[in-house]
């Protein structure tokens, strides 16, 4: 079930279109990659998806992740009513985001931080090589690395997402259930079933930075 949950998460993020299930074809939910149509930052030639016509996005030329792209989608999301609560990125893109300088100071003396004792707080100095919250003119965005976004597919490793979780939900049509199948020799066979789909209450406050290199550089 843990593996299934990872697969569901990857599908909810990276699937480009919805597929109606048939007797010979498994159904597929549309992910964020295929839902976000209004606010996007593309590489050359990139085109937004159209969830109404179930049209997948067109890939553009891969390029590095730059701070200007992040600022552009934050502005777009804010204009369309978004709070830009979370920037969802791959682990390698998290490293790239932490290199953004803006107006921050890269070294800080430690006063009271988690894991630093009172006796050492006044003497120890930590080189801050990363940050978790990105402050901007319209609020604060938490930068969250997602392990499943290391997977293959333009919707995972080549795209970053600006989301507000209150605009999203996972609709569960059938909860996880297990059933034992026929036993073959000493082997006991089981199947696990579930049916879920991504619910996007409003895509306009969401945003995507597309067509990024896997490393962000």
C-alpha atoms as a PDB file:
ATOM      1  CA  UNK A   1       0.000   0.000   0.000  1.00  0.00           C
ATOM      2  CA  UNK A   2       2.938   2.312   0.631  1.00  0.00           C
ATOM      3  CA  UNK A   3       4.117   1.746  -2.948  1.00  0.00           C
ATOM      4  CA  UNK A   4       0.595   2.332  -4.232  1.00  0.00           C
ATOM      5  CA  UNK A   5       0.400   5.610  -2.336  1.00  0.00           C
ATOM      6  CA  UNK A   6       3.653   6.722  -3.998  1.00  0.00           C
ATOM      7  CA  UNK A   7       2.233   5.786  -7.400  1.00  0.00           C
ATOM      8  CA  UNK A   8      -0.956   7.721  -6.651  1.00  0.00           C
ATOM      9  CA  UNK A   9       1.037  10.774  -5.602  1.00  0.00           C
ATOM     10  CA  UNK A  10       3.158  10.627  -8.765  1.00  0.00           C
ATOM     11  CA  UNK A  11       0.026  10.315 -10.906  1.00  0.00           C
ATOM     12  CA  UNK A  12      -1.720  13.199  -9.111  1.00  0.00           C
ATOM     13  CA  UNK A  13       1.282  15.403  -9.865  1.00  0.00           C
ATOM     14  CA  UNK A  14       2.592  14.306 -13.246  1.00  0.00           C
ATOM     15  CA  UNK A  15      -0.183  12.820 -15.398  1.00  0.00           C
ATOM     16  CA  UNK A  16      -0.824  14.991 -18.473  1.00  0.00           C
ATOM     17  CA  UNK A  17      -4.377  13.881 -19.369  1.00  0.00           C
ATOM     18  CA  UNK A  18      -7.317  11.903 -18.061  1.00  0.00           C
ATOM     19  CA  UNK A  19      -8.013   8.487 -19.588  1.00  0.00           C
ATOM     20  CA  UNK A  20     -11.416   6.829 -19.420  1.00  0.00           C
ATOM     21  CA  UNK A  21     -11.083   3.206 -18.430  1.00  0.00           C
ATOM     22  CA  UNK A  22     -12.348   0.447 -20.726  1.00  0.00           C
ATOM     23  CA  UNK A  23     -12.218  -3.337 -20.663  1.00  0.00           C
ATOM     24  CA  UNK A  24      -8.726  -3.184 -22.157  1.00  0.00           C
ATOM     25  CA  UNK A  25      -7.394   0.167 -20.899  1.00  0.00           C
ATOM     26  CA  UNK A  26      -6.915   1.266 -17.318  1.00  0.00           C
ATOM     27  CA  UNK A  27      -8.383   4.580 -16.280  1.00  0.00           C
ATOM     28  CA  UNK A  28      -6.034   7.455 -15.442  1.00  0.00           C
ATOM     29  CA  UNK A  29      -6.516  10.642 -13.461  1.00  0.00           C
ATOM     30  CA  UNK A  30      -5.307  13.981 -14.793  1.00  0.00           C
ATOM     31  CA  UNK A  31      -2.517  15.401 -12.618  1.00  0.00           C
ATOM     32  CA  UNK A  32      -1.395  18.927 -11.845  1.00  0.00           C
ATOM     33  CA  UNK A  33       0.733  18.782 -14.982  1.00  0.00           C
ATOM     34  CA  UNK A  34      -2.424  18.571 -17.107  1.00  0.00           C
ATOM     35  CA  UNK A  35      -4.631  20.831 -14.990  1.00  0.00           C
ATOM     36  CA  UNK A  36      -2.648  24.083 -14.662  1.00  0.00           C
ATOM     37  CA  UNK A  37      -3.587  26.096 -17.736  1.00  0.00           C
ATOM     38  CA  UNK A  38      -3.683  29.743 -16.634  1.00  0.00           C
ATOM     39  CA  UNK A  39      -0.364  30.594 -14.974  1.00  0.00           C
ATOM     40  CA  UNK A  40       2.716  28.973 -16.485  1.00  0.00           C
ATOM     41  CA  UNK A  41       6.333  29.777 -17.237  1.00  0.00           C
ATOM     42  CA  UNK A  42       7.582  27.875 -20.308  1.00  0.00           C
ATOM     43  CA  UNK A  43      10.689  27.017 -22.204  1.00  0.00           C
ATOM     44  CA  UNK A  44      10.727  28.040 -25.864  1.00  0.00           C
ATOM     45  CA  UNK A  45       7.825  26.425 -27.713  1.00  0.00           C
ATOM     46  CA  UNK A  46       5.994  25.256 -24.594  1.00  0.00           C
ATOM     47  CA  UNK A  47       2.194  25.382 -24.598  1.00  0.00           C
ATOM     48  CA  UNK A  48      -0.212  25.064 -21.664  1.00  0.00           C
ATOM     49  CA  UNK A  49      -2.555  22.083 -21.322  1.00  0.00           C
ATOM     50  CA  UNK A  50      -6.273  22.402 -21.893  1.00  0.00           C
ATOM     51  CA  UNK A  51      -8.152  20.404 -19.255  1.00  0.00           C
ATOM     52  CA  UNK A  52     -11.502  21.207 -20.892  1.00  0.00           C
ATOM     53  CA  UNK A  53     -10.548  19.442 -24.127  1.00  0.00           C
ATOM     54  CA  UNK A  54      -8.264  16.985 -22.278  1.00  0.00           C
ATOM     55  CA  UNK A  55      -5.234  18.183 -24.250  1.00  0.00           C
ATOM     56  CA  UNK A  56      -1.771  17.534 -22.817  1.00  0.00           C
ATOM     57  CA  UNK A  57       0.785  20.347 -22.539  1.00  0.00           C
ATOM     58  CA  UNK A  58       3.290  20.785 -25.349  1.00  0.00           C
ATOM     59  CA  UNK A  59       6.894  20.390 -24.272  1.00  0.00           C
ATOM     60  CA  UNK A  60       9.210  23.337 -24.708  1.00  0.00           C
ATOM     61  CA  UNK A  61      12.980  23.580 -24.759  1.00  0.00           C
ATOM     62  CA  UNK A  62      14.486  22.584 -21.439  1.00  0.00           C
ATOM     63  CA  UNK A  63      16.212  25.428 -19.574  1.00  0.00           C
ATOM     64  CA  UNK A  64      17.636  26.130 -16.101  1.00  0.00           C
ATOM     65  CA  UNK A  65      15.453  27.065 -13.150  1.00  0.00           C
ATOM     66  CA  UNK A  66      15.931  30.771 -12.425  1.00  0.00           C
ATOM     67  CA  UNK A  67      14.539  33.045  -9.744  1.00  0.00           C
ATOM     68  CA  UNK A  68      12.872  35.289 -12.322  1.00  0.00           C
ATOM     69  CA  UNK A  69      10.608  32.388 -13.344  1.00  0.00           C
ATOM     70  CA  UNK A  70       9.607  31.800  -9.733  1.00  0.00           C
ATOM     71  CA  UNK A  71       8.786  35.468  -9.227  1.00  0.00           C
ATOM     72  CA  UNK A  72       6.755  35.535 -12.442  1.00  0.00           C
ATOM     73  CA  UNK A  73       4.492  32.629 -11.455  1.00  0.00           C
ATOM     74  CA  UNK A  74       4.096  33.953  -7.903  1.00  0.00           C
ATOM     75  CA  UNK A  75       2.830  37.225  -9.372  1.00  0.00           C
ATOM     76  CA  UNK A  76       0.524  35.371 -11.752  1.00  0.00           C
ATOM     77  CA  UNK A  77      -0.906  33.197  -8.994  1.00  0.00           C
ATOM     78  CA  UNK A  78      -1.411  36.203  -6.718  1.00  0.00           C
ATOM     79  CA  UNK A  79      -3.213  38.094  -9.486  1.00  0.00           C
ATOM     80  CA  UNK A  80      -5.587  35.139  -9.879  1.00  0.00           C
ATOM     81  CA  UNK A  81      -6.365  34.857  -6.170  1.00  0.00           C
ATOM     82  CA  UNK A  82      -3.656  32.458  -5.030  1.00  0.00           C
ATOM     83  CA  UNK A  83      -1.646  32.599  -1.814  1.00  0.00           C
ATOM     84  CA  UNK A  84       1.350  30.676  -3.257  1.00  0.00           C
ATOM     85  CA  UNK A  85       1.523  28.651  -0.068  1.00  0.00           C
ATOM     86  CA  UNK A  86       3.802  25.874  -1.337  1.00  0.00           C
ATOM     87  CA  UNK A  87       6.381  25.465  -4.080  1.00  0.00           C
ATOM     88  CA  UNK A  88       6.514  21.740  -4.870  1.00  0.00           C
ATOM     89  CA  UNK A  89       9.877  20.758  -6.381  1.00  0.00           C
ATOM     90  CA  UNK A  90      12.109  17.768  -7.052  1.00  0.00           C
ATOM     91  CA  UNK A  91      15.039  17.257  -4.650  1.00  0.00           C
ATOM     92  CA  UNK A  92      17.534  18.566  -7.227  1.00  0.00           C
ATOM     93  CA  UNK A  93      15.409  21.646  -7.865  1.00  0.00           C
ATOM     94  CA  UNK A  94      15.236  22.278  -4.113  1.00  0.00           C
ATOM     95  CA  UNK A  95      19.032  22.560  -4.151  1.00  0.00           C
ATOM     96  CA  UNK A  96      18.772  25.008  -7.042  1.00  0.00           C
ATOM     97  CA  UNK A  97      16.133  27.119  -5.295  1.00  0.00           C
ATOM     98  CA  UNK A  98      18.392  27.324  -2.226  1.00  0.00           C
ATOM     99  CA  UNK A  99      21.003  29.020  -4.403  1.00  0.00           C
ATOM    100  CA  UNK A 100      18.682  31.967  -5.105  1.00  0.00           C
ATOM    101  CA  UNK A 101      20.218  34.993  -3.446  1.00  0.00           C
ATOM    102  CA  UNK A 102      17.676  37.817  -3.721  1.00  0.00           C
ATOM    103  CA  UNK A 103      18.277  40.041  -0.681  1.00  0.00           C
ATOM    104  CA  UNK A 104      19.147  37.353   1.866  1.00  0.00           C
ATOM    105  CA  UNK A 105      22.236  37.043   4.014  1.00  0.00           C
ATOM    106  CA  UNK A 106      23.890  33.666   3.397  1.00  0.00           C
ATOM    107  CA  UNK A 107      25.554  33.283   6.813  1.00  0.00           C
ATOM    108  CA  UNK A 108      23.880  33.780  10.145  1.00  0.00           C
ATOM    109  CA  UNK A 109      25.044  33.478  13.707  1.00  0.00           C
ATOM    110  CA  UNK A 110      23.004  30.945  15.586  1.00  0.00           C
ATOM    111  CA  UNK A 111      20.926  32.237  18.469  1.00  0.00           C
ATOM    112  CA  UNK A 112      18.357  29.593  19.353  1.00  0.00           C
ATOM    113  CA  UNK A 113      17.714  27.089  16.603  1.00  0.00           C
ATOM    114  CA  UNK A 114      16.479  23.493  16.829  1.00  0.00           C
ATOM    115  CA  UNK A 115      19.305  21.180  17.800  1.00  0.00           C
ATOM    116  CA  UNK A 116      21.559  23.925  19.181  1.00  0.00           C
ATOM    117  CA  UNK A 117      22.048  23.915  22.948  1.00  0.00           C
ATOM    118  CA  UNK A 118      21.959  27.110  24.981  1.00  0.00           C
ATOM    119  CA  UNK A 119      25.604  26.707  25.949  1.00  0.00           C
ATOM    120  CA  UNK A 120      26.702  26.607  22.308  1.00  0.00           C
ATOM    121  CA  UNK A 121      24.246  29.055  20.841  1.00  0.00           C
ATOM    122  CA  UNK A 122      26.421  32.113  21.487  1.00  0.00           C
ATOM    123  CA  UNK A 123      29.586  30.563  20.045  1.00  0.00           C
ATOM    124  CA  UNK A 124      28.597  28.362  17.108  1.00  0.00           C
ATOM    125  CA  UNK A 125      28.148  29.716  13.605  1.00  0.00           C
ATOM    126  CA  UNK A 126      26.306  27.830  10.909  1.00  0.00           C
ATOM    127  CA  UNK A 127      26.684  28.386   7.187  1.00  0.00           C
ATOM    128  CA  UNK A 128      23.106  28.481   5.917  1.00  0.00           C
ATOM    129  CA  UNK A 129      23.222  26.733   2.539  1.00  0.00           C
ATOM    130  CA  UNK A 130      19.483  26.292   2.171  1.00  0.00           C
ATOM    131  CA  UNK A 131      16.173  27.797   3.186  1.00  0.00           C
ATOM    132  CA  UNK A 132      12.654  26.486   3.649  1.00  0.00           C
ATOM    133  CA  UNK A 133      10.584  29.657   3.255  1.00  0.00           C
ATOM    134  CA  UNK A 134      10.837  32.071   0.338  1.00  0.00           C
ATOM    135  CA  UNK A 135       9.613  35.548   1.265  1.00  0.00           C
ATOM    136  CA  UNK A 136       8.332  37.769  -1.532  1.00  0.00           C
ATOM    137  CA  UNK A 137       6.193  40.833  -2.117  1.00  0.00           C
ATOM    138  CA  UNK A 138       2.954  38.850  -1.832  1.00  0.00           C
ATOM    139  CA  UNK A 139       3.639  36.659   1.178  1.00  0.00           C
ATOM    140  CA  UNK A 140       5.761  33.640   2.058  1.00  0.00           C
ATOM    141  CA  UNK A 141       6.056  30.394   0.112  1.00  0.00           C
ATOM    142  CA  UNK A 142       7.230  27.139   1.679  1.00  0.00           C
ATOM    143  CA  UNK A 143       9.630  25.219  -0.585  1.00  0.00           C
ATOM    144  CA  UNK A 144       8.874  21.492  -0.330  1.00  0.00           C
ATOM    145  CA  UNK A 145      10.982  18.800  -2.038  1.00  0.00           C
ATOM    146  CA  UNK A 146       8.985  15.771  -3.164  1.00  0.00           C
ATOM    147  CA  UNK A 147      10.699  12.381  -3.567  1.00  0.00           C
ATOM    148  CA  UNK A 148       8.307  11.107  -6.228  1.00  0.00           C
ATOM    149  CA  UNK A 149       9.295  14.009  -8.476  1.00  0.00           C
ATOM    150  CA  UNK A 150      12.594  12.271  -9.175  1.00  0.00           C
ATOM    151  CA  UNK A 151      10.629   9.921 -11.444  1.00  0.00           C
ATOM    152  CA  UNK A 152      10.768   9.989 -15.218  1.00  0.00           C
ATOM    153  CA  UNK A 153       8.289  12.179 -17.039  1.00  0.00           C
ATOM    154  CA  UNK A 154       8.089  15.856 -17.874  1.00  0.00           C
ATOM    155  CA  UNK A 155       5.351  16.346 -15.297  1.00  0.00           C
ATOM    156  CA  UNK A 156       7.612  15.207 -12.471  1.00  0.00           C
ATOM    157  CA  UNK A 157      11.314  15.910 -12.913  1.00  0.00           C
ATOM    158  CA  UNK A 158      10.969  18.802 -15.398  1.00  0.00           C
ATOM    159  CA  UNK A 159       8.235  20.852 -13.703  1.00  0.00           C
ATOM    160  CA  UNK A 160       7.793  22.749 -10.426  1.00  0.00           C
ATOM    161  CA  UNK A 161       4.360  23.613  -9.020  1.00  0.00           C
ATOM    162  CA  UNK A 162       3.072  26.540  -7.016  1.00  0.00           C
ATOM    163  CA  UNK A 163       0.039  25.295  -5.105  1.00  0.00           C
ATOM    164  CA  UNK A 164      -2.463  26.161  -2.428  1.00  0.00           C
ATOM    165  CA  UNK A 165      -3.595  22.932  -0.803  1.00  0.00           C
ATOM    166  CA  UNK A 166      -7.086  24.260  -0.121  1.00  0.00           C
ATOM    167  CA  UNK A 167      -7.619  24.333  -3.895  1.00  0.00           C
ATOM    168  CA  UNK A 168      -6.819  20.615  -4.181  1.00  0.00           C
ATOM    169  CA  UNK A 169      -8.203  17.350  -2.862  1.00  0.00           C
ATOM    170  CA  UNK A 170      -7.835  13.646  -3.500  1.00  0.00           C
ATOM    171  CA  UNK A 171     -11.268  12.267  -4.287  1.00  0.00           C
ATOM    172  CA  UNK A 172     -11.492   8.682  -3.031  1.00  0.00           C
ATOM    173  CA  UNK A 173     -14.068   6.724  -4.990  1.00  0.00           C
ATOM    174  CA  UNK A 174     -13.150   3.412  -3.350  1.00  0.00           C
ATOM    175  CA  UNK A 175     -10.931   3.058  -0.277  1.00  0.00           C
ATOM    176  CA  UNK A 176      -7.986   0.653  -0.117  1.00  0.00           C
ATOM    177  CA  UNK A 177      -9.248  -2.910   0.129  1.00  0.00           C
ATOM    178  CA  UNK A 178      -7.496  -6.246  -0.119  1.00  0.00           C
ATOM    179  CA  UNK A 179      -8.805  -9.589  -1.273  1.00  0.00           C
ATOM    180  CA  UNK A 180      -7.182 -13.007  -1.276  1.00  0.00           C
ATOM    181  CA  UNK A 181      -7.095 -14.777  -4.621  1.00  0.00           C
ATOM    182  CA  UNK A 182      -6.552 -18.413  -5.488  1.00  0.00           C
ATOM    183  CA  UNK A 183      -3.637 -20.109  -3.727  1.00  0.00           C
ATOM    184  CA  UNK A 184      -0.986 -21.595  -6.021  1.00  0.00           C
ATOM    185  CA  UNK A 185       1.003 -24.221  -4.168  1.00  0.00           C
ATOM    186  CA  UNK A 186       2.407 -22.563  -1.078  1.00  0.00           C
ATOM    187  CA  UNK A 187       1.993 -19.094  -2.586  1.00  0.00           C
ATOM    188  CA  UNK A 188      -0.932 -17.032  -1.361  1.00  0.00           C
ATOM    189  CA  UNK A 189      -2.082 -14.472  -3.919  1.00  0.00           C
ATOM    190  CA  UNK A 190      -3.608 -11.123  -2.942  1.00  0.00           C
ATOM    191  CA  UNK A 191      -4.863  -8.078  -4.785  1.00  0.00           C
ATOM    192  CA  UNK A 192      -5.234  -4.535  -3.459  1.00  0.00           C
ATOM    193  CA  UNK A 193      -7.805  -2.207  -5.022  1.00  0.00           C
ATOM    194  CA  UNK A 194      -8.547   1.483  -4.737  1.00  0.00           C
ATOM    195  CA  UNK A 195     -10.008   4.217  -6.925  1.00  0.00           C
ATOM    196  CA  UNK A 196      -8.974   7.843  -6.489  1.00  0.00           C
ATOM    197  CA  UNK A 197      -8.751  10.970  -8.595  1.00  0.00           C
ATOM    198  CA  UNK A 198      -7.309  14.456  -8.233  1.00  0.00           C
ATOM    199  CA  UNK A 199      -9.882  17.164  -7.560  1.00  0.00           C
ATOM    200  CA  UNK A 200      -8.836  20.691  -8.551  1.00  0.00           C
ATOM    201  CA  UNK A 201     -11.349  23.140  -7.159  1.00  0.00           C
ATOM    202  CA  UNK A 202      -9.830  26.086  -9.028  1.00  0.00           C
ATOM    203  CA  UNK A 203      -6.737  25.940 -11.248  1.00  0.00           C
ATOM    204  CA  UNK A 204      -6.293  29.699 -11.739  1.00  0.00           C
ATOM    205  CA  UNK A 205      -4.596  30.324  -8.345  1.00  0.00           C
ATOM    206  CA  UNK A 206      -2.132  27.504  -9.111  1.00  0.00           C
ATOM    207  CA  UNK A 207       0.990  27.852 -11.262  1.00  0.00           C
ATOM    208  CA  UNK A 208       3.693  25.784 -12.918  1.00  0.00           C
ATOM    209  CA  UNK A 209       7.271  26.378 -14.027  1.00  0.00           C
ATOM    210  CA  UNK A 210       7.674  23.971 -16.922  1.00  0.00           C
ATOM    211  CA  UNK A 211      10.395  22.709 -19.249  1.00  0.00           C
ATOM    212  CA  UNK A 212      13.169  22.645 -16.654  1.00  0.00           C
ATOM    213  CA  UNK A 213      16.331  20.562 -16.812  1.00  0.00           C
ATOM    214  CA  UNK A 214      16.410  17.668 -14.349  1.00  0.00           C
ATOM    215  CA  UNK A 215      19.124  19.333 -12.260  1.00  0.00           C
ATOM    216  CA  UNK A 216      17.732  22.843 -12.566  1.00  0.00           C
ATOM    217  CA  UNK A 217      21.077  24.060 -13.924  1.00  0.00           C
END
